[in-house]
Protein backbone atom coordinates (compact mmCIF):
# COMPACT_ATOMS: atom_id res chain seq x y z
CA MET A 1 137.24 -89.94 13.99
CA SER A 2 139.14 -93.16 14.73
CA ASP A 3 138.88 -95.36 17.79
CA PHE A 4 141.67 -97.64 18.92
CA ALA A 5 141.20 -100.34 21.55
CA PRO A 6 142.84 -103.72 22.14
CA VAL A 7 141.28 -106.64 20.29
CA HIS A 8 141.81 -109.91 22.17
CA ARG A 9 142.11 -112.78 19.73
CA ARG A 10 144.36 -115.76 19.25
CA ARG A 11 146.76 -114.04 16.89
CA HIS A 12 150.47 -113.47 17.15
CA ALA A 13 150.40 -109.76 16.29
CA SER A 14 148.86 -107.12 18.50
CA ARG A 15 145.70 -105.93 16.77
CA ARG A 16 143.86 -102.68 17.42
CA LEU A 17 140.20 -102.10 16.82
CA ALA A 18 140.07 -99.18 14.40
CA ARG A 19 137.62 -97.49 12.10
CA VAL A 20 139.87 -96.02 9.44
CA PRO A 21 138.65 -94.88 6.02
CA CYS A 22 140.61 -96.44 3.17
CA ALA A 23 140.55 -97.12 -0.54
CA ALA A 24 141.09 -100.81 -1.33
CA THR A 25 141.57 -101.90 -4.93
CA ARG A 26 141.82 -105.45 -6.34
CA LEU A 27 144.93 -105.48 -8.53
CA ARG A 28 143.84 -108.00 -11.20
CA ASP A 29 141.03 -105.77 -12.48
CA PHE A 30 141.58 -102.50 -10.55
CA ALA A 31 138.07 -102.80 -9.06
CA PRO A 32 137.38 -100.83 -5.88
CA VAL A 33 136.58 -103.41 -3.19
CA GLY A 34 136.54 -101.62 0.18
CA GLU A 35 136.29 -98.29 1.93
CA GLY A 36 137.10 -99.00 5.56
CA LEU A 37 139.42 -100.88 7.88
CA LEU A 38 137.95 -102.37 11.06
CA ASP A 39 141.18 -103.38 12.76
CA LEU A 40 144.91 -103.05 12.18
CA SER A 41 148.11 -104.78 13.20
CA PRO A 42 151.72 -104.57 12.01
CA CYS A 43 151.03 -107.71 9.93
CA GLY A 44 147.48 -107.26 8.66
CA ALA A 45 144.10 -105.59 8.70
CA LEU A 46 140.42 -106.43 8.59
CA LEU A 47 138.81 -104.78 5.56
CA ARG A 48 135.08 -103.98 5.49
CA THR A 49 133.76 -104.89 2.04
CA ASP A 50 130.62 -105.99 0.21
CA ALA A 51 132.68 -107.27 -2.73
CA TYR A 52 133.41 -110.94 -3.35
CA LEU A 53 137.10 -111.54 -2.74
CA ALA A 54 138.81 -114.85 -3.33
CA LEU A 55 141.55 -116.20 -1.09
CA GLY A 56 144.81 -115.08 -2.64
CA ASP A 57 143.41 -111.93 -4.28
CA GLU A 58 146.03 -109.19 -4.29
CA LEU A 59 144.92 -105.73 -3.15
CA LEU A 60 146.33 -102.26 -2.74
CA VAL A 61 144.99 -100.58 0.41
CA SER A 62 145.54 -96.84 0.80
CA PHE A 63 144.85 -95.22 4.16
CA ARG A 64 145.99 -92.50 6.51
CA VAL A 65 147.25 -93.55 9.93
CA PRO A 66 145.24 -91.61 12.53
CA GLY A 67 147.18 -88.56 13.64
CA GLU A 68 149.48 -88.61 10.60
CA GLU A 69 149.30 -86.64 7.35
CA GLU A 70 150.95 -89.13 5.02
CA VAL A 71 148.81 -91.64 3.10
CA LEU A 72 150.17 -95.21 3.17
CA ASP A 73 149.81 -97.54 0.17
CA ALA A 74 150.02 -101.09 1.47
CA PRO A 75 150.00 -104.25 -0.66
CA ALA A 76 147.71 -106.93 0.77
CA ILE A 77 146.67 -110.51 0.06
CA VAL A 78 143.29 -111.96 1.11
CA VAL A 79 144.06 -114.78 3.55
CA ARG A 80 140.66 -115.22 5.23
CA TYR A 81 137.16 -113.83 5.10
CA ILE A 82 134.21 -113.51 7.46
CA LEU A 83 130.71 -113.78 6.01
CA GLY A 84 127.97 -111.57 7.34
CA GLY A 85 130.24 -109.73 9.78
């Protein structure tokens, strides 16, 4: 089950708090690096991960938009990280 609620932050894009299962893979070594998204926007997402990711790492994130059947494969680049979140 997914929950969506506004997330108020100083960002340009409207972000939505979400708990969406996903499969995130680092492209340089095809290592699985994440299994859940914590928030989404048209321009980005917050990935829950225990893996070490470097700024600039390229990922492929596959997930299903809540209420839709189709799985989306989205390219992503690590642009920030939050420790201990």
